[in-house]
Amino acid sequence: MIDGRKHGLPPVARADARLLVLGSLPGEASLAAARYYAHPRNQFWRLMESVTGVAMEALPYQERLERLSERGVAMWDVVHAARRQGSLDGQMREVEMRDLAGFVAVLPQLRAVGFNGGTAARLGRRALAGTRLVLVDLPSSSPAYTLPFAEKARRWTALAAFLD
């Protein structure tokens, strides 16, 4: 936390990424660990297994990132910094956005962006309006979003088409 605001993590991306998954701003557990989706109940890694076909949940964190990159998946967040009590998106104030249009411009093979949750979709769609990319709204991987896992996985699996 710098200047009383929470700052996100750096992007995970290779130049050959075909799919970008954007969250809103990492939660408390992720910021404390300096790792994306570090909360043990967050379903992100299980959902990405359904997208990539690669078992990731049991892997060490760095290997998870490598497997995502190898499959053409990049990851980042729409919010650069914000004031927020706890981890809920609804608590964010004084939101500073990322330069998403500039970021996607340097990923020439990028085909689609998947938004992990409603806040990421609302903010990210605004930032990427008018791009050539397919924009896909996804149910949040957060344990606070109580949609059954099977339904989340069904909807997330649609991202696999952009990796072929």
Protein backbone atom coordinates (compact mmCIF):
# COMPACT_ATOMS: atom_id res chain seq x y z
CA MET A 1 0.00 0.00 0.00
CA ILE A 2 1.51 3.29 -1.16
CA ASP A 3 -0.04 6.64 -0.13
CA GLY A 4 -2.86 4.79 1.64
CA ARG A 5 -4.07 3.28 -1.63
CA LYS A 6 -3.89 -0.31 -2.75
CA HIS A 7 -1.91 -0.87 -5.93
CA GLY A 8 -2.30 -3.85 -8.24
CA LEU A 9 0.27 -6.35 -9.39
CA PRO A 10 2.32 -6.26 -12.61
CA PRO A 11 0.90 -7.96 -15.70
CA VAL A 12 1.63 -11.57 -16.57
CA ALA A 13 1.96 -11.56 -20.35
CA ARG A 14 4.07 -12.67 -23.25
CA ALA A 15 4.00 -10.93 -26.62
CA ASP A 16 2.28 -13.97 -28.19
CA ALA A 17 -0.74 -13.92 -25.84
CA ARG A 18 -4.05 -14.62 -27.55
CA LEU A 19 -6.31 -14.20 -24.50
CA LEU A 20 -6.17 -11.63 -21.71
CA VAL A 21 -8.04 -12.25 -18.47
CA LEU A 22 -8.67 -9.07 -16.49
CA GLY A 23 -9.75 -8.89 -12.87
CA SER A 24 -10.63 -5.69 -11.02
CA LEU A 25 -8.00 -5.23 -8.27
CA PRO A 26 -6.38 -8.08 -6.31
CA GLY A 27 -7.91 -8.83 -2.92
CA GLU A 28 -6.18 -8.61 0.44
CA ALA A 29 -4.73 -12.16 0.34
CA SER A 30 -3.35 -11.65 -3.16
CA LEU A 31 -1.82 -8.27 -2.36
CA ALA A 32 -0.25 -9.62 0.84
CA ALA A 33 1.25 -12.58 -1.04
CA ALA A 34 2.07 -10.52 -4.17
CA ARG A 35 0.39 -13.30 -6.20
CA TYR A 36 -2.69 -13.30 -8.37
CA TYR A 37 -5.67 -15.21 -6.94
CA ALA A 38 -3.89 -16.22 -3.72
CA HIS A 39 -7.02 -16.62 -1.58
CA PRO A 40 -7.37 -20.40 -1.09
CA ARG A 41 -11.10 -20.34 -1.88
CA ASN A 42 -10.80 -18.27 -5.06
CA GLN A 43 -11.72 -20.52 -7.98
CA PHE A 44 -9.59 -18.82 -10.64
CA TRP A 45 -6.99 -21.58 -11.01
CA ARG A 46 -9.64 -24.31 -11.22
CA LEU A 47 -11.52 -22.26 -13.81
CA MET A 48 -8.36 -21.78 -15.87
CA GLU A 49 -7.89 -25.55 -15.82
CA SER A 50 -11.25 -25.83 -17.60
CA VAL A 51 -10.14 -23.20 -20.13
CA THR A 52 -6.63 -24.47 -20.87
CA GLY A 53 -6.97 -28.19 -20.21
CA VAL A 54 -3.84 -27.96 -18.05
CA ALA A 55 -3.94 -28.98 -14.38
CA MET A 56 -2.70 -25.94 -12.48
CA GLU A 57 -4.22 -25.83 -9.03
CA ALA A 58 -1.62 -28.14 -7.44
CA LEU A 59 1.36 -26.46 -9.13
CA PRO A 60 3.59 -23.90 -7.43
CA TYR A 61 2.58 -20.33 -8.30
CA GLN A 62 5.43 -19.61 -10.74
CA GLU A 63 4.66 -22.79 -12.68
CA ARG A 64 1.00 -21.79 -12.90
CA LEU A 65 2.04 -18.52 -14.51
CA GLU A 66 4.34 -20.36 -16.92
CA ARG A 67 1.58 -22.78 -17.96
CA LEU A 68 -0.82 -19.90 -18.60
CA SER A 69 1.76 -18.07 -20.71
CA GLU A 70 2.61 -21.23 -22.67
CA ARG A 71 -1.07 -21.64 -23.56
CA GLY A 72 -1.34 -18.01 -24.74
CA VAL A 73 -3.05 -16.53 -21.69
CA ALA A 74 -2.12 -13.15 -20.21
CA MET A 75 -3.46 -11.77 -16.95
CA TRP A 76 -3.78 -8.36 -15.36
CA ASP A 77 -6.30 -6.05 -13.68
CA VAL A 78 -8.32 -3.06 -14.87
CA VAL A 79 -7.58 -0.98 -11.75
CA HIS A 80 -4.09 0.35 -11.13
CA ALA A 81 -4.84 1.70 -7.65
CA ALA A 82 -7.76 2.51 -5.36
CA ARG A 83 -8.72 3.05 -1.76
CA ARG A 84 -10.59 0.02 -0.46
CA GLN A 85 -11.45 -1.49 2.91
CA GLY A 86 -11.18 -5.28 2.58
CA SER A 87 -11.38 -7.10 -0.74
CA LEU A 88 -14.85 -6.31 -2.11
CA ASP A 89 -15.02 -4.34 -5.36
CA GLY A 90 -17.98 -2.37 -4.06
CA GLN A 91 -15.69 -0.78 -1.48
CA MET A 92 -13.29 0.74 -4.04
CA ARG A 93 -12.97 4.52 -4.01
CA GLU A 94 -10.71 6.94 -5.89
CA VAL A 95 -10.15 4.39 -8.63
CA GLU A 96 -7.20 4.92 -10.97
CA MET A 97 -7.51 2.86 -14.15
CA ARG A 98 -4.79 1.06 -16.08
CA ASP A 99 -3.93 2.04 -19.65
CA LEU A 100 -5.60 -1.05 -21.05
CA ALA A 101 -5.80 0.24 -24.62
CA GLY A 102 -2.05 0.87 -24.59
CA PHE A 103 -1.40 -2.56 -23.10
CA VAL A 104 -3.45 -4.52 -25.63
CA ALA A 105 -1.86 -2.53 -28.47
CA VAL A 106 1.48 -4.23 -27.77
CA LEU A 107 -0.04 -7.74 -27.90
CA PRO A 108 -0.46 -8.24 -31.67
CA GLN A 109 -1.87 -11.79 -31.45
CA LEU A 110 -4.45 -10.93 -28.80
CA ARG A 111 -7.93 -12.04 -29.85
CA ALA A 112 -10.10 -11.69 -26.78
CA VAL A 113 -10.40 -10.27 -23.28
CA GLY A 114 -12.24 -12.11 -20.53
CA PHE A 115 -13.46 -9.98 -17.63
CA ASN A 116 -13.39 -11.80 -14.28
CA GLY A 117 -16.51 -10.37 -12.64
CA GLY A 118 -18.90 -7.48 -13.05
CA THR A 119 -16.62 -4.64 -11.92
CA ALA A 120 -13.84 -5.74 -14.26
CA ALA A 121 -16.36 -5.94 -17.11
CA ARG A 122 -17.95 -2.56 -16.42
CA LEU A 123 -14.64 -0.70 -16.16
CA GLY A 124 -12.75 -2.75 -18.74
CA ARG A 125 -15.39 -2.53 -21.45
CA ARG A 126 -15.30 1.25 -21.18
CA ALA A 127 -11.50 1.27 -21.49
CA LEU A 128 -11.44 -1.14 -24.45
CA ALA A 129 -14.44 0.16 -26.39
CA GLY A 130 -13.68 0.36 -30.09
CA THR A 131 -10.88 -2.21 -30.08
CA ARG A 132 -10.79 -5.17 -32.46
CA LEU A 133 -11.01 -7.60 -29.55
CA VAL A 134 -13.84 -9.89 -28.52
CA LEU A 135 -14.88 -8.87 -24.99
CA VAL A 136 -16.31 -11.62 -22.78
CA ASP A 137 -18.02 -11.05 -19.42
CA LEU A 138 -17.41 -13.89 -16.96
CA PRO A 139 -18.83 -14.74 -13.56
CA SER A 140 -16.40 -13.80 -10.81
CA SER A 141 -13.98 -16.45 -9.58
CA SER A 142 -14.33 -14.96 -6.09
CA PRO A 143 -15.81 -17.13 -3.34
CA ALA A 144 -18.11 -14.17 -2.59
CA TYR A 145 -19.88 -14.80 -5.92
CA THR A 146 -22.01 -17.82 -5.14
CA LEU A 147 -22.92 -19.12 -8.59
CA PRO A 148 -22.30 -22.91 -8.56
CA PHE A 149 -18.82 -23.86 -9.77
CA ALA A 150 -20.17 -26.02 -12.62
CA GLU A 151 -21.99 -23.01 -14.09
CA LYS A 152 -18.95 -20.77 -13.68
CA ALA A 153 -16.77 -23.39 -15.41
CA ARG A 154 -19.28 -23.77 -18.26
CA ARG A 155 -19.16 -20.05 -18.95
CA TRP A 156 -15.37 -19.73 -18.52
CA THR A 157 -14.73 -22.67 -20.86
CA ALA A 158 -15.94 -20.52 -23.77
CA LEU A 159 -12.55 -18.75 -23.57
CA ALA A 160 -10.80 -21.90 -24.83
CA ALA A 161 -11.91 -21.09 -28.38
CA PHE A 162 -9.55 -18.10 -28.44
CA LEU A 163 -6.52 -20.25 -27.63
CA ASP A 164 -6.71 -22.48 -30.72
